[in-house]
Amino acid sequence: MRNPKSEYIPGDYWVICDRCGFKYRRSECRLTWDNLLVCRKDWEPRHPQDFVRSKRDNQRVPIPRPDSNNIQISTVLSAGASRDDTSISVGSASHIAEYDSIGVKLDDGTVHWTIVTDVTGTTITLNNGLWGPAASGNDVLLCQITGDTFQSPTAVSASDL
């Protein structure tokens, strides 16, 4: 007795299902949206959520008004710095102290914000290395908060909590 499943059928070759791994005739399989050749029981349509289009979300502030309590102080690099450098030389470090947040303008135009870990003369040690190179003369920004907006950790006592 012959097995009808193994008979030769012209143009209907054997394939392996990409999902279950079983052997099927090509006529018993379908292509999925991501080009997998699968048997009928493993085929499923593409999910409708793949076709959802979102609206553009404009998050710009129409009339920006900076906080009047912020004073931005800037200085410049007195020597160039390479990528991953953790110390920089500035023209003046008179307003910069340990634990201040400073921004170093890099050569590609971005500003690398980091924390100051040490100030020795005009050399500033940074918490982490620069993202990219910064040439001599690039801006170094320090944003100080005045007024009662922020308090240093030493200014808070246990009774204030």
Protein backbone atom coordinates (compact mmCIF):
# COMPACT_ATOMS: atom_id res chain seq x y z
CA MET A 1 0.00 0.00 0.00
CA ARG A 2 1.35 3.42 -0.95
CA ASN A 3 1.38 6.45 1.29
CA PRO A 4 -0.49 9.28 -0.49
CA LYS A 5 1.40 11.86 1.60
CA SER A 6 4.74 10.86 0.03
CA GLU A 7 3.60 10.76 -3.59
CA TYR A 8 5.18 13.02 -6.16
CA ILE A 9 3.04 16.04 -7.03
CA PRO A 10 4.39 18.14 -9.90
CA GLY A 11 5.17 21.74 -8.78
CA ASP A 12 4.24 21.09 -5.12
CA TYR A 13 7.55 20.67 -3.33
CA TRP A 14 8.26 19.91 0.32
CA VAL A 15 9.07 22.76 2.73
CA ILE A 16 9.80 23.04 6.44
CA CYS A 17 7.53 25.35 8.47
CA ASP A 18 9.60 28.24 9.90
CA ARG A 19 7.64 28.18 13.16
CA CYS A 20 6.93 24.55 14.10
CA GLY A 21 9.64 22.83 12.01
CA PHE A 22 7.34 20.16 10.51
CA LYS A 23 7.45 19.10 6.86
CA TYR A 24 4.56 20.26 4.64
CA ARG A 25 3.77 20.66 0.95
CA ARG A 26 4.23 24.20 -0.37
CA SER A 27 0.52 24.34 -1.21
CA GLU A 28 -0.25 23.82 2.51
CA CYS A 29 1.86 26.82 3.60
CA ARG A 30 1.56 30.61 3.48
CA LEU A 31 3.95 33.54 3.80
CA THR A 32 3.54 35.78 6.84
CA TRP A 33 3.96 39.57 6.77
CA ASP A 34 7.58 39.17 7.93
CA ASN A 35 8.41 36.63 5.15
CA LEU A 36 8.23 33.43 7.18
CA LEU A 37 6.91 30.37 5.35
CA VAL A 38 4.53 28.69 7.82
CA CYS A 39 1.87 26.00 7.84
CA ARG A 40 -1.80 26.97 8.01
CA LYS A 41 -2.15 26.41 11.75
CA ASP A 42 0.90 28.63 12.48
CA TRP A 43 -0.16 31.48 10.17
CA GLU A 44 -1.60 34.62 11.73
CA PRO A 45 -2.32 38.05 10.26
CA ARG A 46 -0.26 41.09 11.12
CA HIS A 47 -1.43 42.81 14.28
CA PRO A 48 -3.53 45.96 13.65
CA GLN A 49 -1.46 47.92 16.22
CA ASP A 50 1.46 47.78 13.74
CA PHE A 51 -0.47 50.18 11.52
CA VAL A 52 -1.33 52.82 14.13
CA ARG A 53 0.08 56.23 13.27
CA SER A 54 0.56 58.79 15.99
CA LYS A 55 -0.04 62.51 15.85
CA ARG A 56 2.96 64.83 15.96
CA ASP A 57 3.33 66.17 19.50
CA ASN A 58 4.62 69.73 19.54
CA GLN A 59 6.21 70.23 22.96
CA ARG A 60 7.75 73.63 22.37
CA VAL A 61 6.92 76.34 24.85
CA PRO A 62 5.20 79.14 22.87
CA ILE A 63 6.53 82.04 24.96
CA PRO A 64 9.55 80.91 27.00
CA ARG A 65 10.31 82.99 30.06
CA PRO A 66 13.44 81.99 31.98
CA ASP A 67 13.36 81.83 35.76
CA SER A 68 14.59 85.15 37.17
CA ASN A 69 16.32 83.33 40.07
CA ASN A 70 18.82 81.64 37.74
CA ILE A 71 22.10 83.39 37.09
CA GLN A 72 24.23 81.81 34.40
CA ILE A 73 27.94 82.39 34.78
CA SER A 74 30.33 81.38 32.06
CA THR A 75 34.05 81.07 31.53
CA VAL A 76 36.09 79.51 28.74
CA LEU A 77 38.48 76.60 28.40
CA SER A 78 42.09 77.76 28.55
CA ALA A 79 43.31 74.49 26.99
CA GLY A 80 41.67 71.94 24.73
CA ALA A 81 40.22 68.72 26.14
CA SER A 82 39.88 65.31 24.51
CA ARG A 83 37.07 62.82 24.67
CA ASP A 84 36.86 61.00 28.05
CA ASP A 85 38.99 63.65 29.81
CA THR A 86 37.96 64.05 33.46
CA SER A 87 39.75 67.34 34.06
CA ILE A 88 39.64 70.66 32.24
CA SER A 89 41.54 73.95 32.51
CA VAL A 90 39.46 77.13 32.56
CA GLY A 91 40.26 80.83 32.36
CA SER A 92 38.68 81.59 35.74
CA ALA A 93 37.30 79.20 38.37
CA SER A 94 36.38 81.88 40.91
CA HIS A 95 32.64 81.02 40.96
CA ILE A 96 33.00 77.24 40.55
CA ALA A 97 33.01 74.96 43.59
CA GLU A 98 32.90 71.26 44.34
CA TYR A 99 29.50 69.61 43.59
CA ASP A 100 28.46 72.40 41.19
CA SER A 101 26.81 71.39 37.92
CA ILE A 102 28.71 72.74 34.93
CA GLY A 103 28.25 72.47 31.18
CA VAL A 104 31.19 72.20 28.79
CA LYS A 105 30.43 73.17 25.18
CA LEU A 106 31.91 70.51 22.90
CA ASP A 107 33.23 70.98 19.37
CA ASP A 108 30.07 69.45 17.85
CA GLY A 109 27.93 72.17 19.50
CA THR A 110 26.40 70.02 22.26
CA VAL A 111 26.84 70.84 25.94
CA HIS A 112 28.15 68.12 28.24
CA TRP A 113 26.64 68.65 31.71
CA THR A 114 28.49 67.07 34.62
CA ILE A 115 29.31 67.54 38.32
CA VAL A 116 32.51 69.15 39.63
CA THR A 117 34.41 66.85 42.01
CA ASP A 118 37.41 69.12 42.69
CA VAL A 119 38.66 72.64 41.91
CA THR A 120 42.41 73.31 42.16
CA GLY A 121 43.37 76.75 40.84
CA THR A 122 41.99 76.83 37.30
CA THR A 123 41.87 73.04 36.91
CA ILE A 124 38.45 71.46 37.38
CA THR A 125 38.01 67.72 37.93
CA LEU A 126 34.77 66.31 36.51
CA ASN A 127 32.54 63.49 37.73
CA ASN A 128 32.62 61.73 34.35
CA GLY A 129 34.61 62.03 31.12
CA LEU A 130 33.63 64.35 28.29
CA TRP A 131 31.46 62.93 25.48
CA GLY A 132 33.67 64.47 22.84
CA PRO A 133 36.55 66.88 22.26
CA ALA A 134 36.39 70.54 23.31
CA ALA A 135 38.76 73.15 21.88
CA SER A 136 40.45 75.93 23.79
CA GLY A 137 38.08 78.91 24.01
CA ASN A 138 34.89 76.82 24.22
CA ASP A 139 32.36 77.99 26.82
CA VAL A 140 32.05 76.45 30.28
CA LEU A 141 28.68 77.24 31.86
CA LEU A 142 27.74 77.31 35.53
CA CYS A 143 24.09 77.72 36.49
CA GLN A 144 23.63 79.05 40.01
CA ILE A 145 20.29 79.27 41.79
CA THR A 146 19.71 82.32 43.96
CA GLY A 147 17.01 82.88 46.52
CA ASP A 148 15.22 80.14 48.44
CA THR A 149 14.69 77.80 45.49
CA PHE A 150 17.25 75.20 46.61
CA GLN A 151 19.05 74.52 49.87
CA SER A 152 22.37 72.81 50.30
CA PRO A 153 22.31 69.51 52.29
CA THR A 154 24.15 71.19 55.21
CA ALA A 155 21.45 73.87 55.51
CA VAL A 156 18.75 71.35 56.45
CA SER A 157 18.49 70.19 60.05
CA ALA A 158 16.59 67.21 61.41
CA SER A 159 13.84 69.46 62.81
CA ASP A 160 13.22 70.86 59.28
CA LEU A 161 12.28 67.41 58.05
